[in-house]
Amino acid sequence: MMKKFLIGLAAMFGVVSVANAHLVAFGWKDQGNGSIVMWGEHWHGDQTLPSTANGGVHIGIYGSDPNTWQTFQWTGVVNNMGGTTAGMNAMVTAGTLDGYATDGFFSGSAAENDWFTTAPLVLGNGTWGLFTGTNCCIDTMDAPGQFVITGISSVPSGTGPGNVPEPGSLALLALGLLGLGAGQFRKLRT
């Protein structure tokens, strides 16, 4: 009798652990400068730090090997926004998000209203594979999902995924291009 009770308790705990540790939606916000920020909604309660269990969100071509997808680390936390479909629609209306998509574990519960966010990345409108990974605990997904991302205007459709270059890298690139231009100008003058 005690063995059955312990097995039942372990099974119940396992279900609760998975349910409390699953990413249930993705959102995105166009930064207006050729980059976006990805959001991941979870149902694990308020967070003070972003999860590092799965290294962030992996983005790539759905159907290809997720191990080859580019990974973008969660860098921020936003608590107590969204949760229900109406709440997430309000986030879009307010301009907090440009769009969102739910996965199969989305329940529409008002309690599922906490998010992780990434640093800016390059990603355009299109159909993408998104996956956080199966490692415990907060940002867990069972398998990669196929998500349609729309509403991005500063990145060409189908672009990405990619990292946003650091400002120092952009400055070096600009200097290099100026140097090449100056060299070509001198050639033309002689």
C-alpha atoms as a PDB file:
ATOM      1  CA  MET A   1       0.000   0.000   0.000  1.00  0.00           C
ATOM      2  CA  MET A   2       2.767   2.437   0.955  1.00  0.00           C
ATOM      3  CA  LYS A   3       4.670   1.594  -2.269  1.00  0.00           C
ATOM      4  CA  LYS A   4       1.604   2.476  -4.399  1.00  0.00           C
ATOM      5  CA  PHE A   5       1.187   5.712  -2.481  1.00  0.00           C
ATOM      6  CA  LEU A   6       4.837   6.695  -3.039  1.00  0.00           C
ATOM      7  CA  ILE A   7       4.637   5.823  -6.759  1.00  0.00           C
ATOM      8  CA  GLY A   8       1.460   7.892  -7.093  1.00  0.00           C
ATOM      9  CA  LEU A   9       3.040  10.785  -5.223  1.00  0.00           C
ATOM     10  CA  ALA A  10       6.166  10.640  -7.417  1.00  0.00           C
ATOM     11  CA  ALA A  11       4.033  10.581 -10.570  1.00  0.00           C
ATOM     12  CA  MET A  12       1.993  13.526  -9.344  1.00  0.00           C
ATOM     13  CA  PHE A  13       5.166  15.473  -8.475  1.00  0.00           C
ATOM     14  CA  GLY A  14       6.594  14.721 -11.914  1.00  0.00           C
ATOM     15  CA  VAL A  15       3.471  16.104 -13.598  1.00  0.00           C
ATOM     16  CA  VAL A  16       3.491  19.180 -11.402  1.00  0.00           C
ATOM     17  CA  SER A  17       7.200  19.768 -12.032  1.00  0.00           C
ATOM     18  CA  VAL A  18       6.789  19.616 -15.805  1.00  0.00           C
ATOM     19  CA  ALA A  19       3.671  21.784 -15.732  1.00  0.00           C
ATOM     20  CA  ASN A  20       5.388  24.400 -13.582  1.00  0.00           C
ATOM     21  CA  ALA A  21       8.508  24.447 -15.713  1.00  0.00           C
ATOM     22  CA  HIS A  22       7.306  24.871 -19.257  1.00  0.00           C
ATOM     23  CA  LEU A  23       7.606  27.740 -21.667  1.00  0.00           C
ATOM     24  CA  VAL A  24       4.093  28.358 -23.009  1.00  0.00           C
ATOM     25  CA  ALA A  25       4.437  31.218 -25.523  1.00  0.00           C
ATOM     26  CA  PHE A  26       6.896  33.346 -27.464  1.00  0.00           C
ATOM     27  CA  GLY A  27       6.586  37.042 -28.150  1.00  0.00           C
ATOM     28  CA  TRP A  28       8.693  39.470 -30.157  1.00  0.00           C
ATOM     29  CA  LYS A  29       9.292  43.194 -30.320  1.00  0.00           C
ATOM     30  CA  ASP A  30      10.796  45.023 -33.296  1.00  0.00           C
ATOM     31  CA  GLN A  31      13.383  47.511 -31.990  1.00  0.00           C
ATOM     32  CA  GLY A  32      13.044  49.647 -35.144  1.00  0.00           C
ATOM     33  CA  ASN A  33      16.761  49.432 -35.900  1.00  0.00           C
ATOM     34  CA  GLY A  34      17.089  46.111 -37.727  1.00  0.00           C
ATOM     35  CA  SER A  35      16.796  43.981 -34.612  1.00  0.00           C
ATOM     36  CA  ILE A  36      14.131  42.412 -32.426  1.00  0.00           C
ATOM     37  CA  VAL A  37      13.908  41.134 -28.858  1.00  0.00           C
ATOM     38  CA  MET A  38      12.405  37.679 -28.294  1.00  0.00           C
ATOM     39  CA  TRP A  39      10.219  37.048 -25.249  1.00  0.00           C
ATOM     40  CA  GLY A  40       9.474  33.654 -23.673  1.00  0.00           C
ATOM     41  CA  GLU A  41       6.433  33.307 -21.402  1.00  0.00           C
ATOM     42  CA  HIS A  42       6.582  30.713 -18.637  1.00  0.00           C
ATOM     43  CA  TRP A  43       4.413  29.532 -15.812  1.00  0.00           C
ATOM     44  CA  HIS A  44       6.924  29.233 -13.025  1.00  0.00           C
ATOM     45  CA  GLY A  45       6.076  32.334 -11.013  1.00  0.00           C
ATOM     46  CA  ASP A  46       7.895  35.635 -10.657  1.00  0.00           C
ATOM     47  CA  GLN A  47      11.594  35.515 -11.474  1.00  0.00           C
ATOM     48  CA  THR A  48      14.411  37.803 -10.422  1.00  0.00           C
ATOM     49  CA  LEU A  49      16.958  36.428 -12.918  1.00  0.00           C
ATOM     50  CA  PRO A  50      16.608  34.936 -16.400  1.00  0.00           C
ATOM     51  CA  SER A  51      16.911  31.158 -16.705  1.00  0.00           C
ATOM     52  CA  THR A  52      20.175  29.678 -17.937  1.00  0.00           C
ATOM     53  CA  ALA A  53      19.115  26.008 -17.822  1.00  0.00           C
ATOM     54  CA  ASN A  54      18.779  25.671 -21.598  1.00  0.00           C
ATOM     55  CA  GLY A  55      21.132  28.433 -22.683  1.00  0.00           C
ATOM     56  CA  GLY A  56      18.246  30.568 -23.966  1.00  0.00           C
ATOM     57  CA  VAL A  57      16.117  30.163 -27.073  1.00  0.00           C
ATOM     58  CA  HIS A  58      17.396  28.262 -30.101  1.00  0.00           C
ATOM     59  CA  ILE A  59      16.103  29.613 -33.441  1.00  0.00           C
ATOM     60  CA  GLY A  60      16.419  28.017 -36.858  1.00  0.00           C
ATOM     61  CA  ILE A  61      14.708  26.334 -39.771  1.00  0.00           C
ATOM     62  CA  TYR A  62      11.963  24.082 -38.416  1.00  0.00           C
ATOM     63  CA  GLY A  63      12.585  20.463 -39.413  1.00  0.00           C
ATOM     64  CA  SER A  64      16.370  20.852 -39.407  1.00  0.00           C
ATOM     65  CA  ASP A  65      18.569  19.689 -36.515  1.00  0.00           C
ATOM     66  CA  PRO A  66      17.896  22.006 -33.529  1.00  0.00           C
ATOM     67  CA  ASN A  67      21.492  21.424 -32.397  1.00  0.00           C
ATOM     68  CA  THR A  68      22.574  23.554 -35.372  1.00  0.00           C
ATOM     69  CA  TRP A  69      20.222  26.445 -34.570  1.00  0.00           C
ATOM     70  CA  GLN A  70      21.606  29.700 -33.245  1.00  0.00           C
ATOM     71  CA  THR A  71      21.139  30.242 -29.512  1.00  0.00           C
ATOM     72  CA  PHE A  72      20.153  33.549 -27.928  1.00  0.00           C
ATOM     73  CA  GLN A  73      20.552  33.768 -24.149  1.00  0.00           C
ATOM     74  CA  TRP A  74      17.781  35.087 -21.944  1.00  0.00           C
ATOM     75  CA  THR A  75      19.074  38.368 -20.527  1.00  0.00           C
ATOM     76  CA  GLY A  76      16.065  39.960 -18.820  1.00  0.00           C
ATOM     77  CA  VAL A  77      12.869  39.310 -16.890  1.00  0.00           C
ATOM     78  CA  VAL A  78       9.420  40.914 -17.140  1.00  0.00           C
ATOM     79  CA  ASN A  79       6.886  39.728 -14.569  1.00  0.00           C
ATOM     80  CA  ASN A  80       3.104  40.021 -14.362  1.00  0.00           C
ATOM     81  CA  MET A  81       2.190  40.876 -17.963  1.00  0.00           C
ATOM     82  CA  GLY A  82       0.043  38.913 -20.391  1.00  0.00           C
ATOM     83  CA  GLY A  83      -0.982  35.437 -19.275  1.00  0.00           C
ATOM     84  CA  THR A  84      -4.373  35.261 -20.933  1.00  0.00           C
ATOM     85  CA  THR A  85      -4.990  35.749 -24.632  1.00  0.00           C
ATOM     86  CA  ALA A  86      -6.680  39.053 -23.796  1.00  0.00           C
ATOM     87  CA  GLY A  87      -3.661  40.070 -21.707  1.00  0.00           C
ATOM     88  CA  MET A  88      -1.237  39.299 -24.516  1.00  0.00           C
ATOM     89  CA  ASN A  89      -3.466  41.058 -27.055  1.00  0.00           C
ATOM     90  CA  ALA A  90      -3.328  44.081 -24.729  1.00  0.00           C
ATOM     91  CA  MET A  91       0.502  43.860 -24.778  1.00  0.00           C
ATOM     92  CA  VAL A  92       0.383  44.012 -28.599  1.00  0.00           C
ATOM     93  CA  THR A  93      -2.109  46.900 -28.559  1.00  0.00           C
ATOM     94  CA  ALA A  94       0.091  48.814 -26.087  1.00  0.00           C
ATOM     95  CA  GLY A  95       3.173  48.235 -28.263  1.00  0.00           C
ATOM     96  CA  THR A  96       4.972  46.093 -25.693  1.00  0.00           C
ATOM     97  CA  LEU A  97       5.004  43.228 -28.230  1.00  0.00           C
ATOM     98  CA  ASP A  98       4.552  43.205 -32.000  1.00  0.00           C
ATOM     99  CA  GLY A  99       3.189  39.684 -31.904  1.00  0.00           C
ATOM    100  CA  TYR A 100       3.091  36.415 -30.008  1.00  0.00           C
ATOM    101  CA  ALA A 101       2.465  32.738 -30.590  1.00  0.00           C
ATOM    102  CA  THR A 102       1.517  30.059 -28.078  1.00  0.00           C
ATOM    103  CA  ASP A 103       2.583  26.447 -27.905  1.00  0.00           C
ATOM    104  CA  GLY A 104       0.553  23.386 -26.983  1.00  0.00           C
ATOM    105  CA  PHE A 105       0.955  23.926 -23.241  1.00  0.00           C
ATOM    106  CA  PHE A 106      -0.568  27.413 -23.224  1.00  0.00           C
ATOM    107  CA  SER A 107      -3.592  27.360 -20.910  1.00  0.00           C
ATOM    108  CA  GLY A 108      -4.633  31.019 -20.942  1.00  0.00           C
ATOM    109  CA  SER A 109      -4.227  31.256 -17.185  1.00  0.00           C
ATOM    110  CA  ALA A 110      -3.775  34.744 -15.751  1.00  0.00           C
ATOM    111  CA  ALA A 111      -1.061  33.274 -13.486  1.00  0.00           C
ATOM    112  CA  GLU A 112       1.124  32.399 -16.503  1.00  0.00           C
ATOM    113  CA  ASN A 113       2.251  35.964 -16.968  1.00  0.00           C
ATOM    114  CA  ASP A 114       6.015  36.072 -16.516  1.00  0.00           C
ATOM    115  CA  TRP A 115       8.559  36.413 -19.320  1.00  0.00           C
ATOM    116  CA  PHE A 116      12.227  36.085 -20.123  1.00  0.00           C
ATOM    117  CA  THR A 117      13.694  38.390 -22.782  1.00  0.00           C
ATOM    118  CA  THR A 118      16.770  38.182 -24.999  1.00  0.00           C
ATOM    119  CA  ALA A 119      19.283  40.814 -26.009  1.00  0.00           C
ATOM    120  CA  PRO A 120      18.500  42.261 -29.468  1.00  0.00           C
ATOM    121  CA  LEU A 121      18.931  39.832 -32.360  1.00  0.00           C
ATOM    122  CA  VAL A 122      18.306  39.852 -36.102  1.00  0.00           C
ATOM    123  CA  LEU A 123      15.203  37.940 -37.203  1.00  0.00           C
ATOM    124  CA  GLY A 124      12.648  38.791 -39.873  1.00  0.00           C
ATOM    125  CA  ASN A 125       9.052  37.721 -40.458  1.00  0.00           C
ATOM    126  CA  GLY A 126       8.691  34.094 -41.425  1.00  0.00           C
ATOM    127  CA  THR A 127       8.108  30.578 -40.189  1.00  0.00           C
ATOM    128  CA  TRP A 128      10.819  29.618 -37.718  1.00  0.00           C
ATOM    129  CA  GLY A 129      11.665  26.767 -35.407  1.00  0.00           C
ATOM    130  CA  LEU A 130      11.979  27.841 -31.772  1.00  0.00           C
ATOM    131  CA  PHE A 131      13.212  25.590 -28.987  1.00  0.00           C
ATOM    132  CA  THR A 132      14.525  26.203 -25.501  1.00  0.00           C
ATOM    133  CA  GLY A 133      15.558  22.643 -24.653  1.00  0.00           C
ATOM    134  CA  THR A 134      14.494  19.912 -22.295  1.00  0.00           C
ATOM    135  CA  ASN A 135      16.774  20.699 -19.338  1.00  0.00           C
ATOM    136  CA  CYS A 136      15.035  21.475 -16.085  1.00  0.00           C
ATOM    137  CA  CYS A 137      13.499  23.840 -15.009  1.00  0.00           C
ATOM    138  CA  ILE A 138      11.979  27.180 -15.919  1.00  0.00           C
ATOM    139  CA  ASP A 139      12.332  27.511 -19.701  1.00  0.00           C
ATOM    140  CA  THR A 140      11.750  23.868 -20.618  1.00  0.00           C
ATOM    141  CA  MET A 141      10.073  22.733 -23.843  1.00  0.00           C
ATOM    142  CA  ASP A 142       9.384  19.102 -24.762  1.00  0.00           C
ATOM    143  CA  ALA A 143      10.293  19.531 -28.430  1.00  0.00           C
ATOM    144  CA  PRO A 144      10.983  22.237 -31.018  1.00  0.00           C
ATOM    145  CA  GLY A 145       7.933  24.124 -32.231  1.00  0.00           C
ATOM    146  CA  GLN A 146       7.095  25.812 -35.503  1.00  0.00           C
ATOM    147  CA  PHE A 147       6.101  29.452 -35.052  1.00  0.00           C
ATOM    148  CA  VAL A 148       5.007  32.119 -37.534  1.00  0.00           C
ATOM    149  CA  ILE A 149       6.521  35.496 -36.721  1.00  0.00           C
ATOM    150  CA  THR A 150       4.871  38.609 -38.203  1.00  0.00           C
ATOM    151  CA  GLY A 151       4.753  42.346 -37.527  1.00  0.00           C
ATOM    152  CA  ILE A 152       8.487  42.998 -37.897  1.00  0.00           C
ATOM    153  CA  SER A 153       9.181  45.943 -40.220  1.00  0.00           C
ATOM    154  CA  SER A 154      12.836  46.869 -39.625  1.00  0.00           C
ATOM    155  CA  VAL A 155      14.212  43.452 -40.665  1.00  0.00           C
ATOM    156  CA  PRO A 156      13.544  42.008 -44.143  1.00  0.00           C
ATOM    157  CA  SER A 157      11.260  38.946 -44.170  1.00  0.00           C
ATOM    158  CA  GLY A 158      13.101  35.646 -43.995  1.00  0.00           C
ATOM    159  CA  THR A 159      16.250  37.232 -42.542  1.00  0.00           C
ATOM    160  CA  GLY A 160      18.103  35.617 -39.703  1.00  0.00           C
ATOM    161  CA  PRO A 161      18.560  34.457 -37.180  1.00  0.00           C
ATOM    162  CA  GLY A 162      21.685  36.387 -36.260  1.00  0.00           C
ATOM    163  CA  ASN A 163      23.370  38.408 -33.576  1.00  0.00           C
ATOM    164  CA  VAL A 164      23.381  42.192 -33.677  1.00  0.00           C
ATOM    165  CA  PRO A 165      26.960  43.425 -34.180  1.00  0.00           C
ATOM    166  CA  GLU A 166      28.513  45.262 -31.251  1.00  0.00           C
ATOM    167  CA  PRO A 167      28.833  49.034 -31.805  1.00  0.00           C
ATOM    168  CA  GLY A 168      32.651  48.713 -31.793  1.00  0.00           C
ATOM    169  CA  SER A 169      32.473  46.155 -34.609  1.00  0.00           C
ATOM    170  CA  LEU A 170      30.272  48.476 -36.642  1.00  0.00           C
ATOM    171  CA  ALA A 171      32.743  51.326 -36.130  1.00  0.00           C
ATOM    172  CA  LEU A 172      35.633  49.134 -37.319  1.00  0.00           C
ATOM    173  CA  LEU A 173      33.619  48.066 -40.347  1.00  0.00           C
ATOM    174  CA  ALA A 174      32.834  51.708 -41.174  1.00  0.00           C
ATOM    175  CA  LEU A 175      36.508  52.665 -40.861  1.00  0.00           C
ATOM    176  CA  GLY A 176      37.494  49.770 -43.103  1.00  0.00           C
ATOM    177  CA  LEU A 177      34.968  50.769 -45.739  1.00  0.00           C
ATOM    178  CA  LEU A 178      36.132  54.396 -45.570  1.00  0.00           C
ATOM    179  CA  GLY A 179      39.721  53.239 -46.028  1.00  0.00           C
ATOM    180  CA  LEU A 180      38.782  51.154 -49.059  1.00  0.00           C
ATOM    181  CA  GLY A 181      36.849  54.077 -50.512  1.00  0.00           C
ATOM    182  CA  ALA A 182      39.755  56.455 -49.983  1.00  0.00           C
ATOM    183  CA  GLY A 183      42.114  53.993 -51.661  1.00  0.00           C
ATOM    184  CA  GLN A 184      39.816  53.667 -54.660  1.00  0.00           C
ATOM    185  CA  PHE A 185      39.442  57.447 -54.855  1.00  0.00           C
ATOM    186  CA  ARG A 186      43.232  57.881 -54.947  1.00  0.00           C
ATOM    187  CA  LYS A 187      43.498  55.273 -57.731  1.00  0.00           C
ATOM    188  CA  LEU A 188      40.952  57.139 -59.811  1.00  0.00           C
ATOM    189  CA  ARG A 189      42.724  60.473 -59.341  1.00  0.00           C
ATOM    190  CA  THR A 190      46.089  59.164 -60.574  1.00  0.00           C
END
